[in-house]
PDB file of all heavy atoms in Angstrom:
ATOM      1  N   TYR A   1       0.845  -1.186   0.000  1.00  0.00           N
ATOM      2  CA  TYR A   1       0.000   0.000   0.000  1.00  0.00           C
ATOM      3  C   TYR A   1       0.883   1.240   0.000  1.00  0.00           C
ATOM      4  O   TYR A   1       2.078   1.186   0.339  1.00  0.00           O
ATOM      5  CB  TYR A   1      -0.980   0.017   1.180  1.00  0.00           C
ATOM      6  CG  TYR A   1      -0.361   0.092   2.558  1.00  0.00           C
ATOM      7  CD1 TYR A   1       0.044   1.313   3.095  1.00  0.00           C
ATOM      8  CD2 TYR A   1      -0.224  -1.048   3.331  1.00  0.00           C
ATOM      9  CE1 TYR A   1       0.593   1.384   4.368  1.00  0.00           C
ATOM     10  CE2 TYR A   1       0.323  -0.981   4.602  1.00  0.00           C
ATOM     11  CZ  TYR A   1       0.716   0.232   5.122  1.00  0.00           C
ATOM     12  OH  TYR A   1       1.265   0.294   6.379  1.00  0.00           O
ATOM     13  N   MET A   2       0.274   2.350  -0.394  1.00  0.00           N
ATOM     14  CA  MET A   2       1.001   3.610  -0.440  1.00  0.00           C
ATOM     15  C   MET A   2       0.105   4.731   0.065  1.00  0.00           C
ATOM     16  O   MET A   2      -1.071   4.811  -0.308  1.00  0.00           O
ATOM     17  CB  MET A   2       1.489   3.913  -1.859  1.00  0.00           C
ATOM     18  CG  MET A   2       2.282   5.210  -1.988  1.00  0.00           C
ATOM     19  SD  MET A   2       2.967   5.449  -3.644  1.00  0.00           S
ATOM     20  CE  MET A   2       4.439   4.422  -3.536  1.00  0.00           C
ATOM     21  N   THR A   3       0.655   5.578   0.897  1.00  0.00           N
ATOM     22  CA  THR A   3      -0.090   6.727   1.387  1.00  0.00           C
ATOM     23  C   THR A   3      -0.129   7.826   0.329  1.00  0.00           C
ATOM     24  O   THR A   3       0.628   7.793  -0.651  1.00  0.00           O
ATOM     25  CB  THR A   3       0.539   7.285   2.662  1.00  0.00           C
ATOM     26  OG1 THR A   3       1.799   7.890   2.317  1.00  0.00           O
ATOM     27  CG2 THR A   3       0.777   6.196   3.692  1.00  0.00           C
ATOM     28  N   SER A   4      -0.978   8.803   0.546  1.00  0.00           N
ATOM     29  CA  SER A   4      -1.046   9.927  -0.389  1.00  0.00           C
ATOM     30  C   SER A   4       0.257  10.709  -0.402  1.00  0.00           C
ATOM     31  O   SER A   4       0.552  11.415  -1.379  1.00  0.00           O
ATOM     32  CB  SER A   4      -2.215  10.844  -0.029  1.00  0.00           C
ATOM     33  OG  SER A   4      -2.100  11.294   1.312  1.00  0.00           O
ATOM     34  N   GLY A   5       1.039  10.585   0.650  1.00  0.00           N
ATOM     35  CA  GLY A   5       2.336  11.251   0.713  1.00  0.00           C
ATOM     36  C   GLY A   5       3.459  10.475   0.066  1.00  0.00           C
ATOM     37  O   GLY A   5       4.601  10.944   0.050  1.00  0.00           O
ATOM     38  N   GLY A   6       3.146   9.277  -0.441  1.00  0.00           N
ATOM     39  CA  GLY A   6       4.149   8.514  -1.168  1.00  0.00           C
ATOM     40  C   GLY A   6       4.909   7.480  -0.357  1.00  0.00           C
ATOM     41  O   GLY A   6       5.877   6.888  -0.844  1.00  0.00           O
ATOM     42  N   ILE A   7       4.496   7.249   0.872  1.00  0.00           N
ATOM     43  CA  ILE A   7       5.150   6.231   1.692  1.00  0.00           C
ATOM     44  C   ILE A   7       4.577   4.868   1.343  1.00  0.00           C
ATOM     45  O   ILE A   7       3.364   4.658   1.401  1.00  0.00           O
ATOM     46  CB  ILE A   7       4.976   6.512   3.190  1.00  0.00           C
ATOM     47  CG1 ILE A   7       5.628   7.848   3.538  1.00  0.00           C
ATOM     48  CG2 ILE A   7       5.597   5.388   4.019  1.00  0.00           C
ATOM     49  CD1 ILE A   7       5.389   8.298   4.955  1.00  0.00           C
ATOM     50  N   ALA A   8       5.465   3.936   1.000  1.00  0.00           N
ATOM     51  CA  ALA A   8       5.043   2.605   0.571  1.00  0.00           C
ATOM     52  C   ALA A   8       5.363   1.560   1.627  1.00  0.00           C
ATOM     53  O   ALA A   8       6.350   1.681   2.357  1.00  0.00           O
ATOM     54  CB  ALA A   8       5.719   2.233  -0.743  1.00  0.00           C
ATOM     55  N   HIS A   9       4.517   0.544   1.669  1.00  0.00           N
ATOM     56  CA  HIS A   9       4.755  -0.583   2.564  1.00  0.00           C
ATOM     57  C   HIS A   9       4.483  -1.855   1.782  1.00  0.00           C
ATOM     58  O   HIS A   9       3.529  -1.938   1.001  1.00  0.00           O
ATOM     59  CB  HIS A   9       3.832  -0.518   3.781  1.00  0.00           C
ATOM     60  CG  HIS A   9       3.978  -1.681   4.694  1.00  0.00           C
ATOM     61  ND1 HIS A   9       3.280  -2.851   4.551  1.00  0.00           N
ATOM     62  CD2 HIS A   9       4.782  -1.861   5.782  1.00  0.00           C
ATOM     63  CE1 HIS A   9       3.630  -3.713   5.484  1.00  0.00           C
ATOM     64  NE2 HIS A   9       4.541  -3.134   6.244  1.00  0.00           N
ATOM     65  N   TYR A  10       5.347  -2.864   2.000  1.00  0.00           N
ATOM     66  CA  TYR A  10       5.208  -4.126   1.289  1.00  0.00           C
ATOM     67  C   TYR A  10       5.185  -5.304   2.268  1.00  0.00           C
ATOM     68  O   TYR A  10       5.864  -5.291   3.294  1.00  0.00           O
ATOM     69  CB  TYR A  10       6.392  -4.337   0.334  1.00  0.00           C
ATOM     70  CG  TYR A  10       6.489  -3.318  -0.766  1.00  0.00           C
ATOM     71  CD1 TYR A  10       7.248  -2.161  -0.617  1.00  0.00           C
ATOM     72  CD2 TYR A  10       5.826  -3.519  -1.984  1.00  0.00           C
ATOM     73  CE1 TYR A  10       7.339  -1.225  -1.632  1.00  0.00           C
ATOM     74  CE2 TYR A  10       5.920  -2.592  -3.010  1.00  0.00           C
ATOM     75  CZ  TYR A  10       6.671  -1.447  -2.820  1.00  0.00           C
ATOM     76  OH  TYR A  10       6.766  -0.526  -3.839  1.00  0.00           O
ATOM     77  N   ALA A  11       4.443  -6.316   1.914  1.00  0.00           N
ATOM     78  CA  ALA A  11       4.532  -7.570   2.644  1.00  0.00           C
ATOM     79  C   ALA A  11       5.925  -8.165   2.417  1.00  0.00           C
ATOM     80  O   ALA A  11       6.510  -7.995   1.339  1.00  0.00           O
ATOM     81  CB  ALA A  11       3.464  -8.541   2.163  1.00  0.00           C
ATOM     82  N   ASP A  12       6.445  -8.852   3.420  1.00  0.00           N
ATOM     83  CA  ASP A  12       7.788  -9.418   3.309  1.00  0.00           C
ATOM     84  C   ASP A  12       7.901 -10.354   2.100  1.00  0.00           C
ATOM     85  O   ASP A  12       8.957 -10.430   1.452  1.00  0.00           O
ATOM     86  CB  ASP A  12       8.144 -10.184   4.581  1.00  0.00           C
ATOM     87  CG  ASP A  12       8.426  -9.269   5.753  1.00  0.00           C
ATOM     88  OD1 ASP A  12       8.668  -8.057   5.527  1.00  0.00           O
ATOM     89  OD2 ASP A  12       8.388  -9.748   6.903  1.00  0.00           O
ATOM     90  N   SER A  13       6.834 -11.047   1.795  1.00  0.00           N
ATOM     91  CA  SER A  13       6.870 -12.044   0.724  1.00  0.00           C
ATOM     92  C   SER A  13       7.035 -11.439  -0.667  1.00  0.00           C
ATOM     93  O   SER A  13       7.375 -12.158  -1.610  1.00  0.00           O
ATOM     94  CB  SER A  13       5.596 -12.898   0.757  1.00  0.00           C
ATOM     95  OG  SER A  13       4.456 -12.083   0.600  1.00  0.00           O
ATOM     96  N   VAL A  14       6.798 -10.125  -0.807  1.00  0.00           N
ATOM     97  CA  VAL A  14       6.882  -9.516  -2.142  1.00  0.00           C
ATOM     98  C   VAL A  14       7.967  -8.450  -2.230  1.00  0.00           C
ATOM     99  O   VAL A  14       8.198  -7.895  -3.306  1.00  0.00           O
ATOM    100  CB  VAL A  14       5.531  -8.917  -2.571  1.00  0.00           C
ATOM    101  CG1 VAL A  14       4.432  -9.969  -2.484  1.00  0.00           C
ATOM    102  CG2 VAL A  14       5.176  -7.680  -1.761  1.00  0.00           C
ATOM    103  N   LYS A  15       8.626  -8.145  -1.133  1.00  0.00           N
ATOM    104  CA  LYS A  15       9.673  -7.122  -1.141  1.00  0.00           C
ATOM    105  C   LYS A  15      10.755  -7.463  -2.169  1.00  0.00           C
ATOM    106  O   LYS A  15      11.207  -8.597  -2.242  1.00  0.00           O
ATOM    107  CB  LYS A  15      10.295  -6.990   0.243  1.00  0.00           C
ATOM    108  CG  LYS A  15       9.452  -6.218   1.234  1.00  0.00           C
ATOM    109  CD  LYS A  15      10.148  -6.104   2.587  1.00  0.00           C
ATOM    110  CE  LYS A  15       9.288  -5.336   3.572  1.00  0.00           C
ATOM    111  NZ  LYS A  15       9.912  -5.273   4.918  1.00  0.00           N
ATOM    112  N   GLY A  16      11.125  -6.457  -2.944  1.00  0.00           N
ATOM    113  CA  GLY A  16      12.154  -6.650  -3.953  1.00  0.00           C
ATOM    114  C   GLY A  16      11.630  -7.189  -5.271  1.00  0.00           C
ATOM    115  O   GLY A  16      12.356  -7.216  -6.268  1.00  0.00           O
ATOM    116  N   ARG A  17      10.375  -7.621  -5.295  1.00  0.00           N
ATOM    117  CA  ARG A  17       9.790  -8.164  -6.529  1.00  0.00           C
ATOM    118  C   ARG A  17       8.625  -7.297  -7.036  1.00  0.00           C
ATOM    119  O   ARG A  17       8.427  -7.172  -8.240  1.00  0.00           O
ATOM    120  CB  ARG A  17       9.278  -9.590  -6.296  1.00  0.00           C
ATOM    121  CG  ARG A  17      10.368 -10.560  -5.866  1.00  0.00           C
ATOM    122  CD  ARG A  17       9.849 -11.995  -5.851  1.00  0.00           C
ATOM    123  NE  ARG A  17       8.768 -12.196  -4.896  1.00  0.00           N
ATOM    124  CZ  ARG A  17       7.558 -12.637  -5.221  1.00  0.00           C
ATOM    125  NH1 ARG A  17       7.263 -12.930  -6.484  1.00  0.00           N
ATOM    126  NH2 ARG A  17       6.634 -12.796  -4.281  1.00  0.00           N
ATOM    127  N   PHE A  18       7.850  -6.741  -6.117  1.00  0.00           N
ATOM    128  CA  PHE A  18       6.684  -5.942  -6.471  1.00  0.00           C
ATOM    129  C   PHE A  18       6.978  -4.469  -6.194  1.00  0.00           C
ATOM    130  O   PHE A  18       7.681  -4.132  -5.225  1.00  0.00           O
ATOM    131  CB  PHE A  18       5.469  -6.351  -5.653  1.00  0.00           C
ATOM    132  CG  PHE A  18       4.918  -7.715  -5.963  1.00  0.00           C
ATOM    133  CD1 PHE A  18       5.587  -8.615  -6.769  1.00  0.00           C
ATOM    134  CD2 PHE A  18       3.692  -8.093  -5.437  1.00  0.00           C
ATOM    135  CE1 PHE A  18       5.074  -9.874  -7.049  1.00  0.00           C
ATOM    136  CE2 PHE A  18       3.149  -9.335  -5.698  1.00  0.00           C
ATOM    137  CZ  PHE A  18       3.850 -10.235  -6.493  1.00  0.00           C
ATOM    138  N   THR A  19       6.400  -3.607  -7.020  1.00  0.00           N
ATOM    139  CA  THR A  19       6.533  -2.166  -6.823  1.00  0.00           C
ATOM    140  C   THR A  19       5.177  -1.506  -6.969  1.00  0.00           C
ATOM    141  O   THR A  19       4.499  -1.701  -7.988  1.00  0.00           O
ATOM    142  CB  THR A  19       7.510  -1.556  -7.839  1.00  0.00           C
ATOM    143  OG1 THR A  19       8.786  -2.196  -7.732  1.00  0.00           O
ATOM    144  CG2 THR A  19       7.680  -0.068  -7.576  1.00  0.00           C
ATOM    145  N   ILE A  20       4.788  -0.753  -5.962  1.00  0.00           N
ATOM    146  CA  ILE A  20       3.518  -0.044  -6.006  1.00  0.00           C
ATOM    147  C   ILE A  20       3.768   1.411  -6.395  1.00  0.00           C
ATOM    148  O   ILE A  20       4.792   1.999  -6.025  1.00  0.00           O
ATOM    149  CB  ILE A  20       2.781  -0.128  -4.653  1.00  0.00           C
ATOM    150  CG1 ILE A  20       1.351   0.405  -4.776  1.00  0.00           C
ATOM    151  CG2 ILE A  20       3.554   0.579  -3.548  1.00  0.00           C
ATOM    152  CD1 ILE A  20       0.492   0.129  -3.554  1.00  0.00           C
ATOM    153  N   SER A  21       2.841   1.966  -7.149  1.00  0.00           N
ATOM    154  CA  SER A  21       2.920   3.374  -7.520  1.00  0.00           C
ATOM    155  C   SER A  21       1.504   3.930  -7.584  1.00  0.00           C
ATOM    156  O   SER A  21       0.546   3.165  -7.765  1.00  0.00           O
ATOM    157  CB  SER A  21       3.636   3.549  -8.860  1.00  0.00           C
ATOM    158  OG  SER A  21       2.958   2.860  -9.893  1.00  0.00           O
ATOM    159  N   ARG A  22       1.396   5.230  -7.439  1.00  0.00           N
ATOM    160  CA  ARG A  22       0.080   5.835  -7.532  1.00  0.00           C
ATOM    161  C   ARG A  22       0.169   7.236  -8.109  1.00  0.00           C
ATOM    162  O   ARG A  22       1.224   7.882  -8.027  1.00  0.00           O
ATOM    163  CB  ARG A  22      -0.638   5.836  -6.184  1.00  0.00           C
ATOM    164  CG  ARG A  22       0.023   6.612  -5.083  1.00  0.00           C
ATOM    165  CD  ARG A  22      -0.748   6.526  -3.770  1.00  0.00           C
ATOM    166  NE  ARG A  22      -1.984   7.307  -3.820  1.00  0.00           N
ATOM    167  CZ  ARG A  22      -2.812   7.450  -2.791  1.00  0.00           C
ATOM    168  NH1 ARG A  22      -2.550   6.845  -1.632  1.00  0.00           N
ATOM    169  NH2 ARG A  22      -3.910   8.166  -2.902  1.00  0.00           N
ATOM    170  N   ASP A  23      -0.938   7.676  -8.664  1.00  0.00           N
ATOM    171  CA  ASP A  23      -1.061   9.020  -9.212  1.00  0.00           C
ATOM    172  C   ASP A  23      -2.217   9.681  -8.474  1.00  0.00           C
ATOM    173  O   ASP A  23      -3.382   9.363  -8.723  1.00  0.00           O
ATOM    174  CB  ASP A  23      -1.321   8.931 -10.719  1.00  0.00           C
ATOM    175  CG  ASP A  23      -1.351  10.297 -11.387  1.00  0.00           C
ATOM    176  OD1 ASP A  23      -1.781  11.274 -10.734  1.00  0.00           O
ATOM    177  OD2 ASP A  23      -0.968  10.391 -12.561  1.00  0.00           O
ATOM    178  N   ASN A  24      -1.901  10.580  -7.575  1.00  0.00           N
ATOM    179  CA  ASN A  24      -2.944  11.213  -6.761  1.00  0.00           C
ATOM    180  C   ASN A  24      -3.900  12.048  -7.610  1.00  0.00           C
ATOM    181  O   ASN A  24      -5.094  12.120  -7.330  1.00  0.00           O
ATOM    182  CB  ASN A  24      -2.305  12.084  -5.679  1.00  0.00           C
ATOM    183  CG  ASN A  24      -1.662  11.271  -4.586  1.00  0.00           C
ATOM    184  OD1 ASN A  24      -1.987  10.109  -4.379  1.00  0.00           O
ATOM    185  ND2 ASN A  24      -0.711  11.880  -3.893  1.00  0.00           N
ATOM    186  N   ALA A  25      -3.375  12.689  -8.626  1.00  0.00           N
ATOM    187  CA  ALA A  25      -4.218  13.540  -9.459  1.00  0.00           C
ATOM    188  C   ALA A  25      -5.262  12.722 -10.220  1.00  0.00           C
ATOM    189  O   ALA A  25      -6.388  13.182 -10.443  1.00  0.00           O
ATOM    190  CB  ALA A  25      -3.357  14.334 -10.435  1.00  0.00           C
ATOM    191  N   LYS A  26      -4.889  11.512 -10.611  1.00  0.00           N
ATOM    192  CA  LYS A  26      -5.794  10.650 -11.376  1.00  0.00           C
ATOM    193  C   LYS A  26      -6.503   9.623 -10.488  1.00  0.00           C
ATOM    194  O   LYS A  26      -7.368   8.891 -10.964  1.00  0.00           O
ATOM    195  CB  LYS A  26      -5.034   9.925 -12.481  1.00  0.00           C
ATOM    196  CG  LYS A  26      -4.444  10.852 -13.526  1.00  0.00           C
ATOM    197  CD  LYS A  26      -3.717  10.053 -14.604  1.00  0.00           C
ATOM    198  CE  LYS A  26      -3.144  10.982 -15.657  1.00  0.00           C
ATOM    199  NZ  LYS A  26      -2.411  10.222 -16.713  1.00  0.00           N
ATOM    200  N   ASN A  27      -6.123   9.559  -9.214  1.00  0.00           N
ATOM    201  CA  ASN A  27      -6.692   8.562  -8.307  1.00  0.00           C
ATOM    202  C   ASN A  27      -6.506   7.145  -8.830  1.00  0.00           C
ATOM    203  O   ASN A  27      -7.450   6.343  -8.888  1.00  0.00           O
ATOM    204  CB  ASN A  27      -8.173   8.830  -8.049  1.00  0.00           C
ATOM    205  CG  ASN A  27      -8.399   9.637  -6.793  1.00  0.00           C
ATOM    206  OD1 ASN A  27      -7.486   9.840  -5.997  1.00  0.00           O
ATOM    207  ND2 ASN A  27      -9.607  10.102  -6.597  1.00  0.00           N
ATOM    208  N   THR A  28      -5.286   6.844  -9.230  1.00  0.00           N
ATOM    209  CA  THR A  28      -4.974   5.500  -9.704  1.00  0.00           C
ATOM    210  C   THR A  28      -3.830   4.917  -8.876  1.00  0.00           C
ATOM    211  O   THR A  28      -2.992   5.651  -8.327  1.00  0.00           O
ATOM    212  CB  THR A  28      -4.567   5.491 -11.177  1.00  0.00           C
ATOM    213  OG1 THR A  28      -3.437   6.341 -11.364  1.00  0.00           O
ATOM    214  CG2 THR A  28      -5.704   5.980 -12.062  1.00  0.00           C
ATOM    215  N   VAL A  29      -3.808   3.601  -8.807  1.00  0.00           N
ATOM    216  CA  VAL A  29      -2.721   2.891  -8.149  1.00  0.00           C
ATOM    217  C   VAL A  29      -2.379   1.678  -9.008  1.00  0.00           C
ATOM    218  O   VAL A  29      -3.265   1.053  -9.591  1.00  0.00           O
ATOM    219  CB  VAL A  29      -3.092   2.471  -6.707  1.00  0.00           C
ATOM    220  CG1 VAL A  29      -4.264   1.507  -6.691  1.00  0.00           C
ATOM    221  CG2 VAL A  29      -1.891   1.901  -5.984  1.00  0.00           C
ATOM    222  N   SER A  30      -1.098   1.391  -9.108  1.00  0.00           N
ATOM    223  CA  SER A  30      -0.631   0.268  -9.913  1.00  0.00           C
ATOM    224  C   SER A  30       0.304  -0.613  -9.101  1.00  0.00           C
ATOM    225  O   SER A  30       0.924  -0.145  -8.141  1.00  0.00           O
ATOM    226  CB  SER A  30       0.096   0.765 -11.161  1.00  0.00           C
ATOM    227  OG  SER A  30      -0.773   1.503 -11.991  1.00  0.00           O
ATOM    228  N   LEU A  31       0.379  -1.859  -9.516  1.00  0.00           N
ATOM    229  CA  LEU A  31       1.276  -2.807  -8.857  1.00  0.00           C
ATOM    230  C   LEU A  31       2.048  -3.541  -9.944  1.00  0.00           C
ATOM    231  O   LEU A  31       1.470  -4.317 -10.708  1.00  0.00           O
ATOM    232  CB  LEU A  31       0.495  -3.799  -8.000  1.00  0.00           C
ATOM    233  CG  LEU A  31       1.333  -4.750  -7.153  1.00  0.00           C
ATOM    234  CD1 LEU A  31       2.062  -3.972  -6.051  1.00  0.00           C
ATOM    235  CD2 LEU A  31       0.471  -5.847  -6.543  1.00  0.00           C
ATOM    236  N   GLN A  32       3.333  -3.273 -10.029  1.00  0.00           N
ATOM    237  CA  GLN A  32       4.213  -3.969 -10.955  1.00  0.00           C
ATOM    238  C   GLN A  32       4.753  -5.199 -10.252  1.00  0.00           C
ATOM    239  O   GLN A  32       5.408  -5.082  -9.212  1.00  0.00           O
ATOM    240  CB  GLN A  32       5.357  -3.068 -11.407  1.00  0.00           C
ATOM    241  CG  GLN A  32       6.353  -3.742 -12.340  1.00  0.00           C
ATOM    242  CD  GLN A  32       5.729  -4.112 -13.673  1.00  0.00           C
ATOM    243  OE1 GLN A  32       4.963  -3.346 -14.246  1.00  0.00           O
ATOM    244  NE2 GLN A  32       6.062  -5.291 -14.177  1.00  0.00           N
ATOM    245  N   MET A  33       4.462  -6.356 -10.818  1.00  0.00           N
ATOM    246  CA  MET A  33       4.853  -7.616 -10.184  1.00  0.00           C
ATOM    247  C   MET A  33       5.869  -8.324 -11.073  1.00  0.00           C
ATOM    248  O   MET A  33       5.551  -8.709 -12.197  1.00  0.00           O
ATOM    249  CB  MET A  33       3.622  -8.502  -9.968  1.00  0.00           C
ATOM    250  CG  MET A  33       2.522  -7.824  -9.170  1.00  0.00           C
ATOM    251  SD  MET A  33       1.126  -8.901  -8.809  1.00  0.00           S
ATOM    252  CE  MET A  33       0.486  -9.167 -10.452  1.00  0.00           C
ATOM    253  N   ASN A  34       7.079  -8.475 -10.567  1.00  0.00           N
ATOM    254  CA  ASN A  34       8.156  -9.140 -11.285  1.00  0.00           C
ATOM    255  C   ASN A  34       8.560 -10.426 -10.564  1.00  0.00           C
ATOM    256  O   ASN A  34       8.234 -10.626  -9.398  1.00  0.00           O
ATOM    257  CB  ASN A  34       9.360  -8.213 -11.417  1.00  0.00           C
ATOM    258  CG  ASN A  34       9.066  -6.957 -12.190  1.00  0.00           C
ATOM    259  OD1 ASN A  34       8.233  -6.941 -13.106  1.00  0.00           O
ATOM    260  ND2 ASN A  34       9.738  -5.869 -11.832  1.00  0.00           N
TER     261      ASN A  34
END
C-alpha cells in the first residue's frame, strides 16, 4: 500500500519483486509484479 504522501509498505513475501505506484491527481494505483 502507499499513502497519499508517497510512503510505501510491502509484505515481506513480495519485497524486492513488487513495486507499487500511484497518481494522486488521477486517483490511480498500480502494482508492478516481477
